[in-house]
Amino acid sequence: MESILKYYEFSPFIKDTSQTFGKNEISYFELNTTHFLIFEKDGDEYNLYISKFKNEKEIGKKPPEIIELLVKSYDKSNSKHRVAIRKYIG
């Protein structure tokens, strides 16, 4: 999973204190100034979301304005999961 995060230049993991991700750690990628892809690290599993915040500083501190689960239990060997990222990043 580390290779995916590094390849797409996701942020280092931070502790979520917004209660949105159950205090799990999250890593994010900025699509634009208000939209972000977020990986939630839940034990050994990673869930991928698309979200909207007012700005990057709110991530992990405040609940997102909009959030949608794209992939539950991300598996880099699953082509559908890889396509979910490429759909947004290109």
PDB file of N, CA and C in Angstrom:
ATOM      1  N   MET A   1       0.819  -1.197   0.000  1.00  0.00           N
ATOM      2  CA  MET A   1       0.000   0.000   0.000  1.00  0.00           C
ATOM      3  C   MET A   1       0.860   1.257   0.000  1.00  0.00           C
ATOM      4  N   GLU A   2       2.002   1.172   0.658  1.00  0.00           N
ATOM      5  CA  GLU A   2       2.894   2.331   0.705  1.00  0.00           C
ATOM      6  C   GLU A   2       3.283   2.785  -0.695  1.00  0.00           C
ATOM      7  N   SER A   3       3.457   1.830  -1.610  1.00  0.00           N
ATOM      8  CA  SER A   3       3.851   2.192  -2.975  1.00  0.00           C
ATOM      9  C   SER A   3       2.759   3.006  -3.673  1.00  0.00           C
ATOM     10  N   ILE A   4       1.497   2.673  -3.439  1.00  0.00           N
ATOM     11  CA  ILE A   4       0.373   3.422  -4.018  1.00  0.00           C
ATOM     12  C   ILE A   4       0.370   4.851  -3.469  1.00  0.00           C
ATOM     13  N   LEU A   5       0.524   4.971  -2.164  1.00  0.00           N
ATOM     14  CA  LEU A   5       0.502   6.286  -1.523  1.00  0.00           C
ATOM     15  C   LEU A   5       1.656   7.160  -2.010  1.00  0.00           C
ATOM     16  N   LYS A   6       2.828   6.575  -2.151  1.00  0.00           N
ATOM     17  CA  LYS A   6       3.985   7.336  -2.634  1.00  0.00           C
ATOM     18  C   LYS A   6       3.840   7.681  -4.113  1.00  0.00           C
ATOM     19  N   TYR A   7       3.382   6.727  -4.915  1.00  0.00           N
ATOM     20  CA  TYR A   7       3.245   6.952  -6.352  1.00  0.00           C
ATOM     21  C   TYR A   7       2.314   8.129  -6.641  1.00  0.00           C
ATOM     22  N   TYR A   8       1.188   8.172  -5.952  1.00  0.00           N
ATOM     23  CA  TYR A   8       0.223   9.248  -6.182  1.00  0.00           C
ATOM     24  C   TYR A   8       0.456  10.468  -5.282  1.00  0.00           C
ATOM     25  N   GLU A   9       1.481  10.419  -4.474  1.00  0.00           N
ATOM     26  CA  GLU A   9       1.874  11.524  -3.599  1.00  0.00           C
ATOM     27  C   GLU A   9       0.789  11.920  -2.608  1.00  0.00           C
ATOM     28  N   PHE A  10       0.208  10.916  -1.952  1.00  0.00           N
ATOM     29  CA  PHE A  10      -0.713  11.177  -0.858  1.00  0.00           C
ATOM     30  C   PHE A  10       0.086  11.739   0.320  1.00  0.00           C
ATOM     31  N   SER A  11      -0.589  12.450   1.189  1.00  0.00           N
ATOM     32  CA  SER A  11       0.055  13.040   2.363  1.00  0.00           C
ATOM     33  C   SER A  11       0.492  11.936   3.327  1.00  0.00           C
ATOM     34  N   PRO A  12       1.381  12.273   4.269  1.00  0.00           N
ATOM     35  CA  PRO A  12       1.645  11.326   5.362  1.00  0.00           C
ATOM     36  C   PRO A  12       0.349  11.107   6.148  1.00  0.00           C
ATOM     37  N   PHE A  13       0.241   9.974   6.830  1.00  0.00           N
ATOM     38  CA  PHE A  13      -0.954   9.707   7.625  1.00  0.00           C
ATOM     39  C   PHE A  13      -1.014  10.633   8.827  1.00  0.00           C
ATOM     40  N   ILE A  14      -2.232  11.104   9.103  1.00  0.00           N
ATOM     41  CA  ILE A  14      -2.498  11.945  10.274  1.00  0.00           C
ATOM     42  C   ILE A  14      -3.660  11.328  11.051  1.00  0.00           C
ATOM     43  N   LYS A  15      -3.719  11.615  12.326  1.00  0.00           N
ATOM     44  CA  LYS A  15      -4.811  11.128  13.165  1.00  0.00           C
ATOM     45  C   LYS A  15      -6.064  11.955  12.896  1.00  0.00           C
ATOM     46  N   ASP A  16      -7.179  11.286  12.648  1.00  0.00           N
ATOM     47  CA  ASP A  16      -8.439  11.987  12.439  1.00  0.00           C
ATOM     48  C   ASP A  16      -9.053  12.322  13.794  1.00  0.00           C
ATOM     49  N   THR A  17      -9.301  13.602  14.024  1.00  0.00           N
ATOM     50  CA  THR A  17      -9.953  14.021  15.268  1.00  0.00           C
ATOM     51  C   THR A  17     -11.347  14.579  15.003  1.00  0.00           C
ATOM     52  N   SER A  18     -11.817  14.457  13.755  1.00  0.00           N
ATOM     53  CA  SER A  18     -13.127  14.998  13.379  1.00  0.00           C
ATOM     54  C   SER A  18     -14.281  14.048  13.697  1.00  0.00           C
ATOM     55  N   GLN A  19     -13.951  12.837  14.111  1.00  0.00           N
ATOM     56  CA  GLN A  19     -14.947  11.780  14.376  1.00  0.00           C
ATOM     57  C   GLN A  19     -15.538  11.200  13.088  1.00  0.00           C
ATOM     58  N   THR A  20     -15.092  11.663  11.941  1.00  0.00           N
ATOM     59  CA  THR A  20     -15.600  11.158  10.669  1.00  0.00           C
ATOM     60  C   THR A  20     -15.073   9.763  10.382  1.00  0.00           C
ATOM     61  N   PHE A  21     -13.829   9.511  10.727  1.00  0.00           N
ATOM     62  CA  PHE A  21     -13.176   8.242  10.423  1.00  0.00           C
ATOM     63  C   PHE A  21     -12.884   7.434  11.690  1.00  0.00           C
ATOM     64  N   GLY A  22     -13.682   7.620  12.694  1.00  0.00           N
ATOM     65  CA  GLY A  22     -13.545   6.845  13.930  1.00  0.00           C
ATOM     66  C   GLY A  22     -12.188   6.938  14.581  1.00  0.00           C
ATOM     67  N   LYS A  23     -11.555   8.085  14.494  1.00  0.00           N
ATOM     68  CA  LYS A  23     -10.225   8.326  15.066  1.00  0.00           C
ATOM     69  C   LYS A  23      -9.129   7.504  14.402  1.00  0.00           C
ATOM     70  N   ASN A  24      -9.410   6.938  13.227  1.00  0.00           N
ATOM     71  CA  ASN A  24      -8.381   6.234  12.471  1.00  0.00           C
ATOM     72  C   ASN A  24      -7.441   7.245  11.833  1.00  0.00           C
ATOM     73  N   GLU A  25      -6.331   6.759  11.302  1.00  0.00           N
ATOM     74  CA  GLU A  25      -5.409   7.623  10.583  1.00  0.00           C
ATOM     75  C   GLU A  25      -5.882   7.773   9.144  1.00  0.00           C
ATOM     76  N   ILE A  26      -5.618   8.950   8.568  1.00  0.00           N
ATOM     77  CA  ILE A  26      -6.007   9.210   7.187  1.00  0.00           C
ATOM     78  C   ILE A  26      -4.844   9.848   6.427  1.00  0.00           C
ATOM     79  N   SER A  27      -4.867   9.631   5.129  1.00  0.00           N
ATOM     80  CA  SER A  27      -3.911  10.224   4.205  1.00  0.00           C
ATOM     81  C   SER A  27      -4.733  10.796   3.060  1.00  0.00           C
ATOM     82  N   TYR A  28      -4.310  11.935   2.499  1.00  0.00           N
ATOM     83  CA  TYR A  28      -5.150  12.570   1.482  1.00  0.00           C
ATOM     84  C   TYR A  28      -4.344  13.054   0.278  1.00  0.00           C
ATOM     85  N   PHE A  29      -5.075  13.235  -0.812  1.00  0.00           N
ATOM     86  CA  PHE A  29      -4.537  13.772  -2.054  1.00  0.00           C
ATOM     87  C   PHE A  29      -5.443  14.910  -2.491  1.00  0.00           C
ATOM     88  N   GLU A  30      -4.871  16.052  -2.790  1.00  0.00           N
ATOM     89  CA  GLU A  30      -5.656  17.226  -3.188  1.00  0.00           C
ATOM     90  C   GLU A  30      -5.983  17.166  -4.680  1.00  0.00           C
ATOM     91  N   LEU A  31      -7.271  17.103  -4.991  1.00  0.00           N
ATOM     92  CA  LEU A  31      -7.725  17.145  -6.378  1.00  0.00           C
ATOM     93  C   LEU A  31      -7.840  18.593  -6.850  1.00  0.00           C
ATOM     94  N   ASN A  32      -8.353  19.442  -5.981  1.00  0.00           N
ATOM     95  CA  ASN A  32      -8.383  20.894  -6.163  1.00  0.00           C
ATOM     96  C   ASN A  32      -8.480  21.500  -4.772  1.00  0.00           C
ATOM     97  N   THR A  33      -8.733  22.779  -4.649  1.00  0.00           N
ATOM     98  CA  THR A  33      -8.671  23.427  -3.331  1.00  0.00           C
ATOM     99  C   THR A  33      -9.740  22.953  -2.347  1.00  0.00           C
ATOM    100  N   THR A  34     -10.784  22.289  -2.825  1.00  0.00           N
ATOM    101  CA  THR A  34     -11.849  21.846  -1.920  1.00  0.00           C
ATOM    102  C   THR A  34     -12.158  20.346  -1.988  1.00  0.00           C
ATOM    103  N   HIS A  35     -11.647  19.645  -2.984  1.00  0.00           N
ATOM    104  CA  HIS A  35     -11.953  18.218  -3.142  1.00  0.00           C
ATOM    105  C   HIS A  35     -10.699  17.367  -2.953  1.00  0.00           C
ATOM    106  N   PHE A  36     -10.870  16.260  -2.218  1.00  0.00           N
ATOM    107  CA  PHE A  36      -9.732  15.436  -1.843  1.00  0.00           C
ATOM    108  C   PHE A  36     -10.091  13.952  -1.900  1.00  0.00           C
ATOM    109  N   LEU A  37      -9.110  13.133  -2.286  1.00  0.00           N
ATOM    110  CA  LEU A  37      -9.223  11.695  -2.101  1.00  0.00           C
ATOM    111  C   LEU A  37      -8.616  11.406  -0.743  1.00  0.00           C
ATOM    112  N   ILE A  38      -9.249  10.532   0.017  1.00  0.00           N
ATOM    113  CA  ILE A  38      -8.765  10.204   1.356  1.00  0.00           C
ATOM    114  C   ILE A  38      -8.688   8.691   1.510  1.00  0.00           C
ATOM    115  N   PHE A  39      -7.532   8.214   1.970  1.00  0.00           N
ATOM    116  CA  PHE A  39      -7.399   6.832   2.391  1.00  0.00           C
ATOM    117  C   PHE A  39      -7.518   6.813   3.908  1.00  0.00           C
ATOM    118  N   GLU A  40      -8.421   5.993   4.398  1.00  0.00           N
ATOM    119  CA  GLU A  40      -8.564   5.761   5.832  1.00  0.00           C
ATOM    120  C   GLU A  40      -7.878   4.444   6.140  1.00  0.00           C
ATOM    121  N   LYS A  41      -6.978   4.458   7.104  1.00  0.00           N
ATOM    122  CA  LYS A  41      -6.304   3.243   7.549  1.00  0.00           C
ATOM    123  C   LYS A  41      -7.080   2.702   8.740  1.00  0.00           C
ATOM    124  N   ASP A  42      -7.741   1.568   8.530  1.00  0.00           N
ATOM    125  CA  ASP A  42      -8.565   0.941   9.562  1.00  0.00           C
ATOM    126  C   ASP A  42      -7.974  -0.429   9.858  1.00  0.00           C
ATOM    127  N   GLY A  43      -7.063  -0.467  10.828  1.00  0.00           N
ATOM    128  CA  GLY A  43      -6.332  -1.703  11.099  1.00  0.00           C
ATOM    129  C   GLY A  43      -5.420  -2.011   9.922  1.00  0.00           C
ATOM    130  N   ASP A  44      -5.615  -3.169   9.300  1.00  0.00           N
ATOM    131  CA  ASP A  44      -4.833  -3.559   8.130  1.00  0.00           C
ATOM    132  C   ASP A  44      -5.546  -3.233   6.828  1.00  0.00           C
ATOM    133  N   GLU A  45      -6.705  -2.614   6.894  1.00  0.00           N
ATOM    134  CA  GLU A  45      -7.477  -2.293   5.704  1.00  0.00           C
ATOM    135  C   GLU A  45      -7.427  -0.799   5.407  1.00  0.00           C
ATOM    136  N   TYR A  46      -7.600  -0.489   4.124  1.00  0.00           N
ATOM    137  CA  TYR A  46      -7.619   0.897   3.668  1.00  0.00           C
ATOM    138  C   TYR A  46      -8.908   1.135   2.902  1.00  0.00           C
ATOM    139  N   ASN A  47      -9.608   2.195   3.263  1.00  0.00           N
ATOM    140  CA  ASN A  47     -10.840   2.572   2.572  1.00  0.00           C
ATOM    141  C   ASN A  47     -10.584   3.888   1.850  1.00  0.00           C
ATOM    142  N   LEU A  48     -11.081   3.980   0.614  1.00  0.00           N
ATOM    143  CA  LEU A  48     -10.858   5.168  -0.205  1.00  0.00           C
ATOM    144  C   LEU A  48     -12.139   5.971  -0.330  1.00  0.00           C
ATOM    145  N   TYR A  49     -12.037   7.268  -0.064  1.00  0.00           N
ATOM    146  CA  TYR A  49     -13.180   8.185  -0.115  1.00  0.00           C
ATOM    147  C   TYR A  49     -12.867   9.360  -1.019  1.00  0.00           C
ATOM    148  N   ILE A  50     -13.909   9.985  -1.531  1.00  0.00           N
ATOM    149  CA  ILE A  50     -13.786  11.316  -2.123  1.00  0.00           C
ATOM    150  C   ILE A  50     -14.545  12.246  -1.184  1.00  0.00           C
ATOM    151  N   SER A  51     -13.987  13.425  -0.973  1.00  0.00           N
ATOM    152  CA  SER A  51     -14.583  14.317   0.016  1.00  0.00           C
ATOM    153  C   SER A  51     -14.442  15.777  -0.400  1.00  0.00           C
ATOM    154  N   LYS A  52     -15.237  16.607   0.258  1.00  0.00           N
ATOM    155  CA  LYS A  52     -15.173  18.051   0.038  1.00  0.00           C
ATOM    156  C   LYS A  52     -15.025  18.734   1.387  1.00  0.00           C
ATOM    157  N   PHE A  53     -14.040  19.610   1.466  1.00  0.00           N
ATOM    158  CA  PHE A  53     -13.794  20.437   2.641  1.00  0.00           C
ATOM    159  C   PHE A  53     -13.691  21.891   2.182  1.00  0.00           C
ATOM    160  N   LYS A  54     -13.848  22.809   3.115  1.00  0.00           N
ATOM    161  CA  LYS A  54     -13.675  24.225   2.773  1.00  0.00           C
ATOM    162  C   LYS A  54     -12.242  24.504   2.351  1.00  0.00           C
ATOM    163  N   ASN A  55     -11.300  23.818   3.014  1.00  0.00           N
ATOM    164  CA  ASN A  55      -9.891  23.941   2.658  1.00  0.00           C
ATOM    165  C   ASN A  55      -9.112  22.778   3.257  1.00  0.00           C
ATOM    166  N   GLU A  56      -7.878  22.649   2.859  1.00  0.00           N
ATOM    167  CA  GLU A  56      -7.024  21.538   3.281  1.00  0.00           C
ATOM    168  C   GLU A  56      -6.811  21.506   4.794  1.00  0.00           C
ATOM    169  N   LYS A  57      -6.800  22.654   5.440  1.00  0.00           N
ATOM    170  CA  LYS A  57      -6.548  22.729   6.877  1.00  0.00           C
ATOM    171  C   LYS A  57      -7.628  22.041   7.709  1.00  0.00           C
ATOM    172  N   GLU A  58      -8.807  21.835   7.140  1.00  0.00           N
ATOM    173  CA  GLU A  58      -9.910  21.193   7.868  1.00  0.00           C
ATOM    174  C   GLU A  58      -9.805  19.669   7.899  1.00  0.00           C
ATOM    175  N   ILE A  59      -9.002  19.110   7.011  1.00  0.00           N
ATOM    176  CA  ILE A  59      -8.920  17.645   6.904  1.00  0.00           C
ATOM    177  C   ILE A  59      -8.401  17.050   8.209  1.00  0.00           C
ATOM    178  N   GLY A  60      -9.155  16.107   8.735  1.00  0.00           N
ATOM    179  CA  GLY A  60      -8.786  15.452   9.988  1.00  0.00           C
ATOM    180  C   GLY A  60      -9.192  16.217  11.223  1.00  0.00           C
ATOM    181  N   LYS A  61      -9.660  17.461  11.045  1.00  0.00           N
ATOM    182  CA  LYS A  61     -10.051  18.291  12.188  1.00  0.00           C
ATOM    183  C   LYS A  61     -11.550  18.558  12.232  1.00  0.00           C
ATOM    184  N   LYS A  62     -12.150  18.717  11.039  1.00  0.00           N
ATOM    185  CA  LYS A  62     -13.586  18.983  10.941  1.00  0.00           C
ATOM    186  C   LYS A  62     -14.216  17.967   9.997  1.00  0.00           C
ATOM    187  N   PRO A  63     -15.481  17.658  10.188  1.00  0.00           N
ATOM    188  CA  PRO A  63     -16.151  16.736   9.254  1.00  0.00           C
ATOM    189  C   PRO A  63     -16.224  17.344   7.856  1.00  0.00           C
ATOM    190  N   PRO A  64     -16.118  16.517   6.827  1.00  0.00           N
ATOM    191  CA  PRO A  64     -16.233  17.050   5.467  1.00  0.00           C
ATOM    192  C   PRO A  64     -17.648  17.515   5.164  1.00  0.00           C
ATOM    193  N   GLU A  65     -17.765  18.421   4.215  1.00  0.00           N
ATOM    194  CA  GLU A  65     -19.081  18.880   3.766  1.00  0.00           C
ATOM    195  C   GLU A  65     -19.782  17.755   3.001  1.00  0.00           C
ATOM    196  N   ILE A  66     -19.005  17.009   2.222  1.00  0.00           N
ATOM    197  CA  ILE A  66     -19.512  15.878   1.446  1.00  0.00           C
ATOM    198  C   ILE A  66     -18.471  14.769   1.537  1.00  0.00           C
ATOM    199  N   ILE A  67     -18.925  13.527   1.653  1.00  0.00           N
ATOM    200  CA  ILE A  67     -18.013  12.387   1.638  1.00  0.00           C
ATOM    201  C   ILE A  67     -18.719  11.201   0.998  1.00  0.00           C
ATOM    202  N   GLU A  68     -17.967  10.474   0.194  1.00  0.00           N
ATOM    203  CA  GLU A  68     -18.516   9.287  -0.465  1.00  0.00           C
ATOM    204  C   GLU A  68     -17.462   8.188  -0.450  1.00  0.00           C
ATOM    205  N   LEU A  69     -17.846   7.009   0.008  1.00  0.00           N
ATOM    206  CA  LEU A  69     -16.951   5.862  -0.005  1.00  0.00           C
ATOM    207  C   LEU A  69     -16.830   5.351  -1.436  1.00  0.00           C
ATOM    208  N   LEU A  70     -15.604   5.307  -1.949  1.00  0.00           N
ATOM    209  CA  LEU A  70     -15.364   4.806  -3.306  1.00  0.00           C
ATOM    210  C   LEU A  70     -14.991   3.331  -3.302  1.00  0.00           C
ATOM    211  N   VAL A  71     -14.114   2.942  -2.357  1.00  0.00           N
ATOM    212  CA  VAL A  71     -13.647   1.556  -2.281  1.00  0.00           C
ATOM    213  C   VAL A  71     -13.483   1.147  -0.830  1.00  0.00           C
ATOM    214  N   LYS A  72     -14.161   0.084  -0.441  1.00  0.00           N
ATOM    215  CA  LYS A  72     -13.983  -0.495   0.898  1.00  0.00           C
ATOM    216  C   LYS A  72     -12.927  -1.583   0.795  1.00  0.00           C
ATOM    217  N   SER A  73     -12.006  -1.615   1.704  1.00  0.00           N
ATOM    218  CA  SER A  73     -10.918  -2.601   1.728  1.00  0.00           C
ATOM    219  C   SER A  73     -10.125  -2.575   0.423  1.00  0.00           C
ATOM    220  N   TYR A  74      -9.487  -1.448   0.148  1.00  0.00           N
ATOM    221  CA  TYR A  74      -8.707  -1.262  -1.076  1.00  0.00           C
ATOM    222  C   TYR A  74      -7.669  -2.368  -1.227  1.00  0.00           C
ATOM    223  N   ASP A  75      -7.607  -2.931  -2.429  1.00  0.00           N
ATOM    224  CA  ASP A  75      -6.649  -3.986  -2.763  1.00  0.00           C
ATOM    225  C   ASP A  75      -5.956  -3.573  -4.056  1.00  0.00           C
ATOM    226  N   LYS A  76      -4.668  -3.251  -3.969  1.00  0.00           N
ATOM    227  CA  LYS A  76      -3.958  -2.744  -5.142  1.00  0.00           C
ATOM    228  C   LYS A  76      -3.880  -3.755  -6.273  1.00  0.00           C
ATOM    229  N   SER A  77      -4.092  -5.036  -5.996  1.00  0.00           N
ATOM    230  CA  SER A  77      -4.075  -6.044  -7.058  1.00  0.00           C
ATOM    231  C   SER A  77      -5.415  -6.131  -7.794  1.00  0.00           C
ATOM    232  N   ASN A  78      -6.426  -5.454  -7.286  1.00  0.00           N
ATOM    233  CA  ASN A  78      -7.747  -5.445  -7.924  1.00  0.00           C
ATOM    234  C   ASN A  78      -7.812  -4.274  -8.910  1.00  0.00           C
ATOM    235  N   SER A  79      -7.972  -4.584 -10.187  1.00  0.00           N
ATOM    236  CA  SER A  79      -7.953  -3.532 -11.203  1.00  0.00           C
ATOM    237  C   SER A  79      -9.076  -2.516 -11.015  1.00  0.00           C
ATOM    238  N   LYS A  80     -10.234  -2.944 -10.533  1.00  0.00           N
ATOM    239  CA  LYS A  80     -11.337  -2.001 -10.298  1.00  0.00           C
ATOM    240  C   LYS A  80     -10.966  -0.977  -9.229  1.00  0.00           C
ATOM    241  N   HIS A  81     -10.190  -1.403  -8.254  1.00  0.00           N
ATOM    242  CA  HIS A  81      -9.760  -0.493  -7.199  1.00  0.00           C
ATOM    243  C   HIS A  81      -8.763   0.524  -7.747  1.00  0.00           C
ATOM    244  N   ARG A  82      -7.835   0.066  -8.594  1.00  0.00           N
ATOM    245  CA  ARG A  82      -6.858   0.981  -9.194  1.00  0.00           C
ATOM    246  C   ARG A  82      -7.551   1.996 -10.098  1.00  0.00           C
ATOM    247  N   VAL A  83      -8.569   1.546 -10.826  1.00  0.00           N
ATOM    248  CA  VAL A  83      -9.319   2.436 -11.713  1.00  0.00           C
ATOM    249  C   VAL A  83     -10.026   3.525 -10.909  1.00  0.00           C
ATOM    250  N   ALA A  84     -10.478   3.201  -9.702  1.00  0.00           N
ATOM    251  CA  ALA A  84     -11.163   4.190  -8.857  1.00  0.00           C
ATOM    252  C   ALA A  84     -10.254   5.385  -8.571  1.00  0.00           C
ATOM    253  N   ILE A  85      -8.971   5.138  -8.361  1.00  0.00           N
ATOM    254  CA  ILE A  85      -8.032   6.243  -8.133  1.00  0.00           C
ATOM    255  C   ILE A  85      -7.774   6.978  -9.441  1.00  0.00           C
ATOM    256  N   ARG A  86      -7.466   6.234 -10.489  1.00  0.00           N
ATOM    257  CA  ARG A  86      -7.128   6.864 -11.783  1.00  0.00           C
ATOM    258  C   ARG A  86      -8.282   7.676 -12.345  1.00  0.00           C
ATOM    259  N   LYS A  87      -9.512   7.319 -11.988  1.00  0.00           N
ATOM    260  CA  LYS A  87     -10.690   8.081 -12.446  1.00  0.00           C
ATOM    261  C   LYS A  87     -10.585   9.544 -11.996  1.00  0.00           C
ATOM    262  N   TYR A  88      -9.998   9.758 -10.831  1.00  0.00           N
ATOM    263  CA  TYR A  88      -9.901  11.110 -10.283  1.00  0.00           C
ATOM    264  C   TYR A  88      -8.530  11.748 -10.504  1.00  0.00           C
ATOM    265  N   ILE A  89      -7.490  10.945 -10.461  1.00  0.00           N
ATOM    266  CA  ILE A  89      -6.136  11.500 -10.587  1.00  0.00           C
ATOM    267  C   ILE A  89      -5.656  11.499 -12.030  1.00  0.00           C
ATOM    268  N   GLY A  90      -6.052  10.489 -12.784  1.00  0.00           N
ATOM    269  CA  GLY A  90      -5.700  10.459 -14.206  1.00  0.00           C
ATOM    270  C   GLY A  90      -4.529   9.664 -14.561  1.00  0.00           C
TER     271      GLY A  90
END
